[in-house]
Amino acid sequence: MSVSNEPRTGTFLGVPYDWRRHGFKARLKQRWWNPAEPRLFTPRAFGWGYAVNLARLARRRP
């Protein structure tokens, strides 16, 4: 089995990616529900693209 030297996180064409499996559950919670994060759209916990920070979305209600 060969090990790739390519980075497991970064951006491609301006879109973030994260292919790390270790710590997935912690990143999922941090990116989907993080009241301290000011961004509405955060990098996905696994894969390519963005996730919605639901805590930020809930805070926007009047």
PDB file of N, CA and C in Angstrom:
ATOM      1  N   MET A   1       0.842  -1.181   0.000  1.00  0.00           N
ATOM      2  CA  MET A   1       0.000   0.000   0.000  1.00  0.00           C
ATOM      3  C   MET A   1       0.883   1.239   0.000  1.00  0.00           C
ATOM      4  N   SER A   2       0.688   2.110  -0.960  1.00  0.00           N
ATOM      5  CA  SER A   2       1.496   3.318  -1.031  1.00  0.00           C
ATOM      6  C   SER A   2       0.794   4.462  -0.314  1.00  0.00           C
ATOM      7  N   VAL A   3       1.590   5.343   0.252  1.00  0.00           N
ATOM      8  CA  VAL A   3       1.069   6.500   0.963  1.00  0.00           C
ATOM      9  C   VAL A   3       1.280   7.729   0.093  1.00  0.00           C
ATOM     10  N   SER A   4       0.235   8.483  -0.113  1.00  0.00           N
ATOM     11  CA  SER A   4       0.318   9.675  -0.945  1.00  0.00           C
ATOM     12  C   SER A   4       0.897  10.838  -0.150  1.00  0.00           C
ATOM     13  N   ASN A   5       1.687  11.653  -0.804  1.00  0.00           N
ATOM     14  CA  ASN A   5       2.237  12.837  -0.173  1.00  0.00           C
ATOM     15  C   ASN A   5       1.379  14.069  -0.409  1.00  0.00           C
ATOM     16  N   GLU A   6       0.244  13.896  -1.053  1.00  0.00           N
ATOM     17  CA  GLU A   6      -0.640  15.024  -1.322  1.00  0.00           C
ATOM     18  C   GLU A   6      -1.316  15.474  -0.037  1.00  0.00           C
ATOM     19  N   PRO A   7      -1.572  16.776   0.105  1.00  0.00           N
ATOM     20  CA  PRO A   7      -2.245  17.251   1.318  1.00  0.00           C
ATOM     21  C   PRO A   7      -3.680  16.732   1.402  1.00  0.00           C
ATOM     22  N   ARG A   8      -4.133  16.474   2.599  1.00  0.00           N
ATOM     23  CA  ARG A   8      -5.478  15.964   2.823  1.00  0.00           C
ATOM     24  C   ARG A   8      -6.494  17.103   2.986  1.00  0.00           C
ATOM     25  N   THR A   9      -6.022  18.334   3.165  1.00  0.00           N
ATOM     26  CA  THR A   9      -6.892  19.502   3.273  1.00  0.00           C
ATOM     27  C   THR A   9      -6.324  20.620   2.430  1.00  0.00           C
ATOM     28  N   GLY A  10      -7.181  21.566   2.067  1.00  0.00           N
ATOM     29  CA  GLY A  10      -6.733  22.710   1.291  1.00  0.00           C
ATOM     30  C   GLY A  10      -7.877  23.281   0.478  1.00  0.00           C
ATOM     31  N   THR A  11      -7.540  23.936  -0.624  1.00  0.00           N
ATOM     32  CA  THR A  11      -8.551  24.477  -1.526  1.00  0.00           C
ATOM     33  C   THR A  11      -8.191  24.098  -2.952  1.00  0.00           C
ATOM     34  N   PHE A  12      -9.222  23.954  -3.764  1.00  0.00           N
ATOM     35  CA  PHE A  12      -9.054  23.691  -5.186  1.00  0.00           C
ATOM     36  C   PHE A  12     -10.046  24.566  -5.911  1.00  0.00           C
ATOM     37  N   LEU A  13      -9.560  25.439  -6.776  1.00  0.00           N
ATOM     38  CA  LEU A  13     -10.392  26.418  -7.475  1.00  0.00           C
ATOM     39  C   LEU A  13     -11.183  27.284  -6.501  1.00  0.00           C
ATOM     40  N   GLY A  14     -10.583  27.569  -5.346  1.00  0.00           N
ATOM     41  CA  GLY A  14     -11.212  28.425  -4.355  1.00  0.00           C
ATOM     42  C   GLY A  14     -12.229  27.731  -3.466  1.00  0.00           C
ATOM     43  N   VAL A  15     -12.421  26.436  -3.646  1.00  0.00           N
ATOM     44  CA  VAL A  15     -13.386  25.685  -2.838  1.00  0.00           C
ATOM     45  C   VAL A  15     -12.610  24.778  -1.888  1.00  0.00           C
ATOM     46  N   PRO A  16     -12.947  24.819  -0.579  1.00  0.00           N
ATOM     47  CA  PRO A  16     -12.190  24.008   0.380  1.00  0.00           C
ATOM     48  C   PRO A  16     -12.499  22.519   0.273  1.00  0.00           C
ATOM     49  N   TYR A  17     -11.503  21.720   0.634  1.00  0.00           N
ATOM     50  CA  TYR A  17     -11.698  20.276   0.719  1.00  0.00           C
ATOM     51  C   TYR A  17     -10.999  19.736   1.956  1.00  0.00           C
ATOM     52  N   ASP A  18     -11.505  18.636   2.464  1.00  0.00           N
ATOM     53  CA  ASP A  18     -10.937  17.971   3.633  1.00  0.00           C
ATOM     54  C   ASP A  18     -11.201  16.478   3.487  1.00  0.00           C
ATOM     55  N   TRP A  19     -10.164  15.705   3.245  1.00  0.00           N
ATOM     56  CA  TRP A  19     -10.307  14.265   3.037  1.00  0.00           C
ATOM     57  C   TRP A  19      -9.818  13.459   4.234  1.00  0.00           C
ATOM     58  N   ARG A  20      -9.613  14.116   5.380  1.00  0.00           N
ATOM     59  CA  ARG A  20      -9.179  13.391   6.581  1.00  0.00           C
ATOM     60  C   ARG A  20     -10.363  12.638   7.185  1.00  0.00           C
ATOM     61  N   ARG A  21     -10.126  11.396   7.548  1.00  0.00           N
ATOM     62  CA  ARG A  21     -11.183  10.605   8.204  1.00  0.00           C
ATOM     63  C   ARG A  21     -11.075  10.708   9.715  1.00  0.00           C
ATOM     64  N   HIS A  22      -9.863  10.806  10.227  1.00  0.00           N
ATOM     65  CA  HIS A  22      -9.659  10.888  11.669  1.00  0.00           C
ATOM     66  C   HIS A  22     -10.227  12.207  12.203  1.00  0.00           C
ATOM     67  N   GLY A  23     -11.049  12.148  13.220  1.00  0.00           N
ATOM     68  CA  GLY A  23     -11.621  13.347  13.821  1.00  0.00           C
ATOM     69  C   GLY A  23     -12.850  13.866  13.097  1.00  0.00           C
ATOM     70  N   PHE A  24     -13.443  13.047  12.247  1.00  0.00           N
ATOM     71  CA  PHE A  24     -14.585  13.475  11.446  1.00  0.00           C
ATOM     72  C   PHE A  24     -15.758  13.944  12.309  1.00  0.00           C
ATOM     73  N   LYS A  25     -16.105  13.200  13.347  1.00  0.00           N
ATOM     74  CA  LYS A  25     -17.257  13.556  14.182  1.00  0.00           C
ATOM     75  C   LYS A  25     -17.062  14.895  14.889  1.00  0.00           C
ATOM     76  N   ALA A  26     -15.871  15.154  15.368  1.00  0.00           N
ATOM     77  CA  ALA A  26     -15.597  16.431  16.033  1.00  0.00           C
ATOM     78  C   ALA A  26     -15.683  17.584  15.035  1.00  0.00           C
ATOM     79  N   ARG A  27     -15.140  17.390  13.834  1.00  0.00           N
ATOM     80  CA  ARG A  27     -15.219  18.446  12.814  1.00  0.00           C
ATOM     81  C   ARG A  27     -16.651  18.666  12.362  1.00  0.00           C
ATOM     82  N   LEU A  28     -17.429  17.602  12.279  1.00  0.00           N
ATOM     83  CA  LEU A  28     -18.823  17.718  11.876  1.00  0.00           C
ATOM     84  C   LEU A  28     -19.583  18.608  12.855  1.00  0.00           C
ATOM     85  N   LYS A  29     -19.428  18.358  14.136  1.00  0.00           N
ATOM     86  CA  LYS A  29     -20.090  19.178  15.150  1.00  0.00           C
ATOM     87  C   LYS A  29     -19.594  20.623  15.102  1.00  0.00           C
ATOM     88  N   GLN A  30     -18.296  20.795  14.947  1.00  0.00           N
ATOM     89  CA  GLN A  30     -17.710  22.132  14.928  1.00  0.00           C
ATOM     90  C   GLN A  30     -18.183  22.944  13.718  1.00  0.00           C
ATOM     91  N   ARG A  31     -18.392  22.312  12.600  1.00  0.00           N
ATOM     92  CA  ARG A  31     -18.741  23.041  11.382  1.00  0.00           C
ATOM     93  C   ARG A  31     -20.234  23.179  11.178  1.00  0.00           C
ATOM     94  N   TRP A  32     -21.031  22.283  11.731  1.00  0.00           N
ATOM     95  CA  TRP A  32     -22.481  22.383  11.568  1.00  0.00           C
ATOM     96  C   TRP A  32     -23.129  23.158  12.702  1.00  0.00           C
ATOM     97  N   TRP A  33     -22.517  23.163  13.908  1.00  0.00           N
ATOM     98  CA  TRP A  33     -23.097  23.890  15.031  1.00  0.00           C
ATOM     99  C   TRP A  33     -21.972  24.501  15.847  1.00  0.00           C
ATOM    100  N   ASN A  34     -21.648  25.763  15.527  1.00  0.00           N
ATOM    101  CA  ASN A  34     -20.573  26.464  16.222  1.00  0.00           C
ATOM    102  C   ASN A  34     -20.982  27.917  16.407  1.00  0.00           C
ATOM    103  N   PRO A  35     -21.583  28.242  17.559  1.00  0.00           N
ATOM    104  CA  PRO A  35     -22.026  29.618  17.793  1.00  0.00           C
ATOM    105  C   PRO A  35     -20.890  30.642  17.779  1.00  0.00           C
ATOM    106  N   ALA A  36     -19.662  30.222  18.061  1.00  0.00           N
ATOM    107  CA  ALA A  36     -18.533  31.153  18.080  1.00  0.00           C
ATOM    108  C   ALA A  36     -18.035  31.489  16.676  1.00  0.00           C
ATOM    109  N   GLU A  37     -18.411  30.709  15.686  1.00  0.00           N
ATOM    110  CA  GLU A  37     -17.960  30.927  14.302  1.00  0.00           C
ATOM    111  C   GLU A  37     -18.820  32.009  13.648  1.00  0.00           C
ATOM    112  N   PRO A  38     -18.220  33.086  13.150  1.00  0.00           N
ATOM    113  CA  PRO A  38     -19.012  34.162  12.541  1.00  0.00           C
ATOM    114  C   PRO A  38     -19.517  33.835  11.132  1.00  0.00           C
ATOM    115  N   ARG A  39     -18.919  32.837  10.468  1.00  0.00           N
ATOM    116  CA  ARG A  39     -19.315  32.525   9.094  1.00  0.00           C
ATOM    117  C   ARG A  39     -20.570  31.651   9.064  1.00  0.00           C
ATOM    118  N   LEU A  40     -21.449  31.904   8.094  1.00  0.00           N
ATOM    119  CA  LEU A  40     -22.615  31.061   7.876  1.00  0.00           C
ATOM    120  C   LEU A  40     -22.212  29.800   7.120  1.00  0.00           C
ATOM    121  N   PHE A  41     -21.340  29.943   6.139  1.00  0.00           N
ATOM    122  CA  PHE A  41     -20.868  28.811   5.350  1.00  0.00           C
ATOM    123  C   PHE A  41     -19.452  28.451   5.795  1.00  0.00           C
ATOM    124  N   THR A  42     -19.271  27.218   6.231  1.00  0.00           N
ATOM    125  CA  THR A  42     -17.978  26.740   6.704  1.00  0.00           C
ATOM    126  C   THR A  42     -17.518  25.597   5.804  1.00  0.00           C
ATOM    127  N   PRO A  43     -16.227  25.292   5.792  1.00  0.00           N
ATOM    128  CA  PRO A  43     -15.767  24.146   5.000  1.00  0.00           C
ATOM    129  C   PRO A  43     -16.408  22.856   5.497  1.00  0.00           C
ATOM    130  N   ARG A  44     -16.662  21.935   4.597  1.00  0.00           N
ATOM    131  CA  ARG A  44     -17.284  20.659   4.966  1.00  0.00           C
ATOM    132  C   ARG A  44     -16.368  19.853   5.867  1.00  0.00           C
ATOM    133  N   ALA A  45     -16.956  19.040   6.708  1.00  0.00           N
ATOM    134  CA  ALA A  45     -16.188  18.192   7.616  1.00  0.00           C
ATOM    135  C   ALA A  45     -15.460  17.093   6.848  1.00  0.00           C
ATOM    136  N   PHE A  46     -16.041  16.633   5.751  1.00  0.00           N
ATOM    137  CA  PHE A  46     -15.402  15.628   4.910  1.00  0.00           C
ATOM    138  C   PHE A  46     -15.881  15.835   3.484  1.00  0.00           C
ATOM    139  N   GLY A  47     -14.950  15.942   2.573  1.00  0.00           N
ATOM    140  CA  GLY A  47     -15.321  16.122   1.179  1.00  0.00           C
ATOM    141  C   GLY A  47     -14.927  17.489   0.652  1.00  0.00           C
ATOM    142  N   TRP A  48     -15.619  17.896  -0.395  1.00  0.00           N
ATOM    143  CA  TRP A  48     -15.299  19.131  -1.100  1.00  0.00           C
ATOM    144  C   TRP A  48     -16.511  20.033  -1.067  1.00  0.00           C
ATOM    145  N   GLY A  49     -16.345  21.286  -0.644  1.00  0.00           N
ATOM    146  CA  GLY A  49     -17.448  22.232  -0.642  1.00  0.00           C
ATOM    147  C   GLY A  49     -17.664  22.873   0.710  1.00  0.00           C
ATOM    148  N   TYR A  50     -18.886  23.311   0.919  1.00  0.00           N
ATOM    149  CA  TYR A  50     -19.243  24.063   2.114  1.00  0.00           C
ATOM    150  C   TYR A  50     -20.390  23.397   2.869  1.00  0.00           C
ATOM    151  N   ALA A  51     -20.472  23.689   4.165  1.00  0.00           N
ATOM    152  CA  ALA A  51     -21.572  23.264   5.021  1.00  0.00           C
ATOM    153  C   ALA A  51     -22.202  24.524   5.606  1.00  0.00           C
ATOM    154  N   VAL A  52     -23.397  24.408   6.144  1.00  0.00           N
ATOM    155  CA  VAL A  52     -24.080  25.541   6.755  1.00  0.00           C
ATOM    156  C   VAL A  52     -23.917  25.445   8.269  1.00  0.00           C
ATOM    157  N   ASN A  53     -23.462  26.538   8.879  1.00  0.00           N
ATOM    158  CA  ASN A  53     -23.336  26.621  10.326  1.00  0.00           C
ATOM    159  C   ASN A  53     -24.732  26.927  10.876  1.00  0.00           C
ATOM    160  N   LEU A  54     -25.420  25.905  11.351  1.00  0.00           N
ATOM    161  CA  LEU A  54     -26.816  26.051  11.786  1.00  0.00           C
ATOM    162  C   LEU A  54     -26.954  26.971  12.999  1.00  0.00           C
ATOM    163  N   ALA A  55     -25.936  27.053  13.845  1.00  0.00           N
ATOM    164  CA  ALA A  55     -25.983  27.967  14.990  1.00  0.00           C
ATOM    165  C   ALA A  55     -26.031  29.415  14.509  1.00  0.00           C
ATOM    166  N   ARG A  56     -25.282  29.725  13.498  1.00  0.00           N
ATOM    167  CA  ARG A  56     -25.281  31.075  12.928  1.00  0.00           C
ATOM    168  C   ARG A  56     -26.620  31.376  12.270  1.00  0.00           C
ATOM    169  N   LEU A  57     -27.180  30.399  11.591  1.00  0.00           N
ATOM    170  CA  LEU A  57     -28.469  30.551  10.942  1.00  0.00           C
ATOM    171  C   LEU A  57     -29.571  30.781  11.985  1.00  0.00           C
ATOM    172  N   ALA A  58     -29.545  30.046  13.084  1.00  0.00           N
ATOM    173  CA  ALA A  58     -30.534  30.208  14.151  1.00  0.00           C
ATOM    174  C   ALA A  58     -30.414  31.571  14.818  1.00  0.00           C
ATOM    175  N   ARG A  59     -29.232  32.116  14.900  1.00  0.00           N
ATOM    176  CA  ARG A  59     -29.000  33.410  15.540  1.00  0.00           C
ATOM    177  C   ARG A  59     -29.521  34.568  14.680  1.00  0.00           C
ATOM    178  N   ARG A  60     -29.707  34.346  13.392  1.00  0.00           N
ATOM    179  CA  ARG A  60     -30.139  35.412  12.489  1.00  0.00           C
ATOM    180  C   ARG A  60     -31.631  35.708  12.606  1.00  0.00           C
ATOM    181  N   ARG A  61     -32.380  34.845  13.267  1.00  0.00           N
ATOM    182  CA  ARG A  61     -33.819  35.079  13.406  1.00  0.00           C
ATOM    183  C   ARG A  61     -34.087  36.281  14.302  1.00  0.00           C
ATOM    184  N   PRO A  62     -35.117  37.084  13.976  1.00  0.00           N
ATOM    185  CA  PRO A  62     -35.429  38.258  14.825  1.00  0.00           C
ATOM    186  C   PRO A  62     -36.009  37.886  16.167  1.00  0.00           C
TER     187      PRO A  62
END
